Amino acid sequence: MPLIKLTSKRQATFPAEVCRQLGVSPGDTLELSAIRHRAEAVWILKAAKLQRPSWLGCLSKYAKNAPEPWSRERHGEATARAMAKESGK
């Protein structure tokens, strides 16, 4: 049975085999759940399924640095220029 030792800062290193079985890698988040089994506290450990932000919401950090606000007209003009450049016109 693999053992896990806590450091003074309550950090733990999981054996590689345990990480492979859990399907986790460095930086992933784990979820702990406590249950009672035969009058004893037992902890269940599993990989957390974090809800990822939508790709559109991720763009907001770039929008803050935009030189001017986005507009449909400006987007259309930029797309037309890019297509013309690709076609060699």
N, C-alpha and C. Protein backbone atom coordinates (compact mmCIF):
# COMPACT_ATOMS: atom_id res chain seq x y z
N MET A 1 0.85 -1.17 0.00
CA MET A 1 0.00 0.00 0.00
C MET A 1 0.90 1.24 0.00
N PRO A 2 0.69 2.16 -0.96
CA PRO A 2 1.50 3.38 -1.01
C PRO A 2 1.22 4.27 0.20
N LEU A 3 2.26 4.89 0.72
CA LEU A 3 2.13 5.82 1.84
C LEU A 3 2.43 7.23 1.35
N ILE A 4 1.76 8.20 1.97
CA ILE A 4 1.97 9.61 1.65
C ILE A 4 2.35 10.33 2.93
N LYS A 5 3.46 11.06 2.91
CA LYS A 5 3.92 11.78 4.09
C LYS A 5 3.70 13.27 3.86
N LEU A 6 3.15 13.95 4.88
CA LEU A 6 2.94 15.40 4.81
C LEU A 6 4.18 16.14 5.29
N THR A 7 4.46 17.27 4.63
CA THR A 7 5.55 18.14 5.08
C THR A 7 5.01 19.05 6.19
N SER A 8 5.88 19.88 6.75
CA SER A 8 5.44 20.80 7.80
C SER A 8 4.42 21.82 7.28
N LYS A 9 4.36 22.02 5.96
CA LYS A 9 3.39 22.94 5.35
C LYS A 9 2.16 22.19 4.84
N ARG A 10 1.98 20.95 5.28
CA ARG A 10 0.85 20.10 4.90
C ARG A 10 0.83 19.79 3.40
N GLN A 11 1.98 19.77 2.77
CA GLN A 11 2.06 19.40 1.36
C GLN A 11 2.39 17.92 1.27
N ALA A 12 1.93 17.30 0.20
CA ALA A 12 2.14 15.86 0.04
C ALA A 12 2.61 15.56 -1.38
N THR A 13 3.41 14.51 -1.49
CA THR A 13 3.83 14.02 -2.80
C THR A 13 3.17 12.67 -3.01
N PHE A 14 2.41 12.55 -4.07
CA PHE A 14 1.73 11.30 -4.37
C PHE A 14 2.63 10.41 -5.23
N PRO A 15 2.65 9.12 -4.96
CA PRO A 15 3.43 8.21 -5.80
C PRO A 15 2.94 8.28 -7.25
N ALA A 16 3.87 8.11 -8.18
CA ALA A 16 3.55 8.21 -9.61
C ALA A 16 2.43 7.25 -10.00
N GLU A 17 2.44 6.04 -9.44
CA GLU A 17 1.41 5.05 -9.78
C GLU A 17 0.02 5.53 -9.35
N VAL A 18 -0.08 6.17 -8.21
CA VAL A 18 -1.37 6.70 -7.74
C VAL A 18 -1.85 7.78 -8.69
N CYS A 19 -0.94 8.66 -9.11
CA CYS A 19 -1.32 9.74 -10.06
C CYS A 19 -1.77 9.16 -11.38
N ARG A 20 -1.09 8.13 -11.86
CA ARG A 20 -1.51 7.49 -13.12
C ARG A 20 -2.91 6.91 -12.98
N GLN A 21 -3.17 6.23 -11.86
CA GLN A 21 -4.49 5.61 -11.68
C GLN A 21 -5.59 6.66 -11.53
N LEU A 22 -5.26 7.79 -10.92
CA LEU A 22 -6.24 8.87 -10.80
C LEU A 22 -6.38 9.66 -12.09
N GLY A 23 -5.40 9.55 -12.98
CA GLY A 23 -5.41 10.31 -14.22
C GLY A 23 -5.11 11.78 -14.01
N VAL A 24 -4.22 12.07 -13.04
CA VAL A 24 -3.87 13.46 -12.74
C VAL A 24 -2.39 13.70 -12.99
N SER A 25 -2.05 14.96 -13.17
CA SER A 25 -0.67 15.37 -13.38
C SER A 25 -0.43 16.68 -12.62
N PRO A 26 0.82 17.13 -12.53
CA PRO A 26 1.11 18.36 -11.78
C PRO A 26 0.21 19.52 -12.23
N GLY A 27 -0.33 20.23 -11.24
CA GLY A 27 -1.20 21.37 -11.52
C GLY A 27 -2.68 21.02 -11.50
N ASP A 28 -3.02 19.74 -11.57
CA ASP A 28 -4.44 19.34 -11.52
C ASP A 28 -4.98 19.51 -10.11
N THR A 29 -6.29 19.55 -10.00
CA THR A 29 -6.96 19.72 -8.71
C THR A 29 -7.62 18.39 -8.33
N LEU A 30 -7.49 18.04 -7.05
CA LEU A 30 -8.10 16.82 -6.53
C LEU A 30 -9.25 17.18 -5.61
N GLU A 31 -10.26 16.32 -5.57
CA GLU A 31 -11.43 16.54 -4.73
C GLU A 31 -11.45 15.47 -3.63
N LEU A 32 -11.65 15.90 -2.39
CA LEU A 32 -11.75 14.99 -1.26
C LEU A 32 -13.18 14.95 -0.75
N SER A 33 -13.67 13.75 -0.45
CA SER A 33 -15.00 13.58 0.12
C SER A 33 -14.88 12.65 1.31
N ALA A 34 -15.51 13.02 2.41
CA ALA A 34 -15.49 12.17 3.61
C ALA A 34 -16.75 11.33 3.67
N ILE A 35 -16.58 10.05 3.99
CA ILE A 35 -17.72 9.16 4.21
C ILE A 35 -17.45 8.34 5.46
N ARG A 36 -18.49 7.72 5.98
CA ARG A 36 -18.34 6.80 7.12
C ARG A 36 -18.45 5.38 6.59
N HIS A 37 -17.51 4.55 6.97
CA HIS A 37 -17.52 3.14 6.58
C HIS A 37 -17.19 2.31 7.81
N ARG A 38 -18.14 1.53 8.25
CA ARG A 38 -17.95 0.70 9.44
C ARG A 38 -17.49 1.53 10.64
N ALA A 39 -18.18 2.65 10.85
CA ALA A 39 -17.93 3.56 11.97
C ALA A 39 -16.55 4.22 11.92
N GLU A 40 -15.95 4.26 10.75
CA GLU A 40 -14.63 4.88 10.60
C GLU A 40 -14.71 5.93 9.49
N ALA A 41 -14.03 7.05 9.67
CA ALA A 41 -13.99 8.08 8.63
C ALA A 41 -13.06 7.61 7.50
N VAL A 42 -13.58 7.64 6.29
CA VAL A 42 -12.80 7.25 5.11
C VAL A 42 -12.88 8.41 4.12
N TRP A 43 -11.75 8.73 3.52
CA TRP A 43 -11.71 9.83 2.56
C TRP A 43 -11.61 9.27 1.16
N ILE A 44 -12.42 9.82 0.27
CA ILE A 44 -12.38 9.44 -1.14
C ILE A 44 -11.67 10.56 -1.88
N LEU A 45 -10.71 10.19 -2.70
CA LEU A 45 -9.90 11.14 -3.45
C LEU A 45 -10.14 10.90 -4.93
N LYS A 46 -10.50 11.96 -5.66
CA LYS A 46 -10.69 11.82 -7.11
C LYS A 46 -10.30 13.12 -7.81
N ALA A 47 -10.05 13.01 -9.09
CA ALA A 47 -9.71 14.19 -9.88
C ALA A 47 -10.94 15.09 -9.95
N ALA A 48 -10.75 16.36 -9.71
CA ALA A 48 -11.86 17.32 -9.74
C ALA A 48 -12.18 17.66 -11.19
N LYS A 49 -13.46 17.76 -11.47
CA LYS A 49 -13.89 18.18 -12.80
C LYS A 49 -14.24 19.65 -12.71
N LEU A 50 -13.27 20.49 -13.02
CA LEU A 50 -13.47 21.93 -12.95
C LEU A 50 -14.16 22.41 -14.20
N GLN A 51 -15.07 23.32 -14.03
CA GLN A 51 -15.77 23.90 -15.17
C GLN A 51 -14.87 24.96 -15.79
N ARG A 52 -14.53 24.75 -17.02
CA ARG A 52 -13.66 25.69 -17.73
C ARG A 52 -14.49 26.85 -18.26
N PRO A 53 -13.93 28.05 -18.23
CA PRO A 53 -14.68 29.19 -18.79
C PRO A 53 -14.82 29.02 -20.30
N SER A 54 -15.86 29.60 -20.84
CA SER A 54 -16.04 29.51 -22.29
C SER A 54 -14.90 30.25 -22.99
N TRP A 55 -14.62 29.87 -24.20
CA TRP A 55 -13.53 30.51 -24.93
C TRP A 55 -13.80 31.99 -25.13
N LEU A 56 -15.07 32.36 -25.27
CA LEU A 56 -15.41 33.77 -25.46
C LEU A 56 -15.08 34.57 -24.21
N GLY A 57 -15.39 34.02 -23.04
CA GLY A 57 -15.08 34.70 -21.79
C GLY A 57 -13.59 34.86 -21.58
N CYS A 58 -12.80 33.95 -22.12
CA CYS A 58 -11.35 34.02 -21.99
C CYS A 58 -10.77 35.21 -22.77
N LEU A 59 -11.51 35.69 -23.74
CA LEU A 59 -11.01 36.79 -24.57
C LEU A 59 -11.08 38.14 -23.86
N SER A 60 -11.81 38.23 -22.76
CA SER A 60 -11.99 39.52 -22.09
C SER A 60 -10.68 40.11 -21.61
N LYS A 61 -9.70 39.27 -21.23
CA LYS A 61 -8.42 39.81 -20.79
C LYS A 61 -7.69 40.50 -21.94
N TYR A 62 -7.90 40.03 -23.17
CA TYR A 62 -7.27 40.68 -24.31
C TYR A 62 -8.02 41.96 -24.71
N ALA A 63 -9.32 41.97 -24.51
CA ALA A 63 -10.14 43.13 -24.87
C ALA A 63 -9.73 44.36 -24.06
N LYS A 64 -9.28 44.14 -22.83
CA LYS A 64 -8.86 45.26 -21.99
C LYS A 64 -7.69 46.02 -22.60
N ASN A 65 -6.87 45.32 -23.39
CA ASN A 65 -5.68 45.94 -23.98
C ASN A 65 -5.91 46.41 -25.42
N ALA A 66 -7.12 46.31 -25.91
CA ALA A 66 -7.42 46.70 -27.28
C ALA A 66 -7.29 48.22 -27.43
N PRO A 67 -6.76 48.68 -28.58
CA PRO A 67 -6.59 50.12 -28.77
C PRO A 67 -7.91 50.87 -28.86
N GLU A 68 -8.96 50.20 -29.32
CA GLU A 68 -10.28 50.82 -29.39
C GLU A 68 -11.34 49.73 -29.26
N PRO A 69 -12.56 50.08 -28.91
CA PRO A 69 -13.60 49.07 -28.71
C PRO A 69 -13.89 48.29 -30.00
N TRP A 70 -14.30 47.04 -29.84
CA TRP A 70 -14.65 46.20 -30.96
C TRP A 70 -15.98 46.65 -31.54
N SER A 71 -16.05 46.59 -32.85
CA SER A 71 -17.33 46.87 -33.52
C SER A 71 -17.47 45.90 -34.68
N ARG A 72 -18.70 45.64 -35.06
CA ARG A 72 -18.95 44.72 -36.16
C ARG A 72 -18.35 45.26 -37.47
N GLU A 73 -18.46 46.58 -37.66
CA GLU A 73 -17.93 47.19 -38.89
C GLU A 73 -16.41 47.04 -38.96
N ARG A 74 -15.76 47.35 -37.84
CA ARG A 74 -14.30 47.25 -37.81
C ARG A 74 -13.85 45.82 -38.04
N HIS A 75 -14.56 44.86 -37.46
CA HIS A 75 -14.23 43.45 -37.64
C HIS A 75 -14.38 43.07 -39.12
N GLY A 76 -15.47 43.52 -39.74
CA GLY A 76 -15.69 43.22 -41.16
C GLY A 76 -14.60 43.81 -42.04
N GLU A 77 -14.19 45.04 -41.74
CA GLU A 77 -13.13 45.68 -42.51
C GLU A 77 -11.81 44.95 -42.35
N ALA A 78 -11.48 44.54 -41.13
CA ALA A 78 -10.23 43.82 -40.88
C ALA A 78 -10.23 42.47 -41.58
N THR A 79 -11.37 41.80 -41.58
CA THR A 79 -11.48 40.51 -42.26
C THR A 79 -11.32 40.70 -43.76
N ALA A 80 -11.94 41.72 -44.32
CA ALA A 80 -11.83 41.99 -45.76
C ALA A 80 -10.38 42.29 -46.13
N ARG A 81 -9.68 43.08 -45.32
CA ARG A 81 -8.27 43.39 -45.61
C ARG A 81 -7.42 42.12 -45.57
N ALA A 82 -7.65 41.27 -44.59
CA ALA A 82 -6.87 40.04 -44.46
C ALA A 82 -7.14 39.11 -45.65
N MET A 83 -8.39 39.01 -46.07
CA MET A 83 -8.71 38.13 -47.22
C MET A 83 -8.10 38.69 -48.50
N ALA A 84 -8.13 40.00 -48.66
CA ALA A 84 -7.52 40.62 -49.85
C ALA A 84 -6.02 40.39 -49.86
N LYS A 85 -5.40 40.50 -48.72
CA LYS A 85 -3.94 40.29 -48.61
C LYS A 85 -3.58 38.84 -48.97
N GLU A 86 -4.39 37.89 -48.50
CA GLU A 86 -4.14 36.48 -48.80
C GLU A 86 -4.29 36.17 -50.29
N SER A 87 -5.26 36.83 -50.92
CA SER A 87 -5.49 36.55 -52.35
C SER A 87 -4.55 37.34 -53.26
N GLY A 88 -3.74 38.22 -52.67
CA GLY A 88 -2.77 38.98 -53.44
C GLY A 88 -3.32 40.21 -54.10
N LYS A 89 -4.48 40.69 -53.68
CA LYS A 89 -5.08 41.90 -54.27
C LYS A 89 -4.70 43.12 -53.51
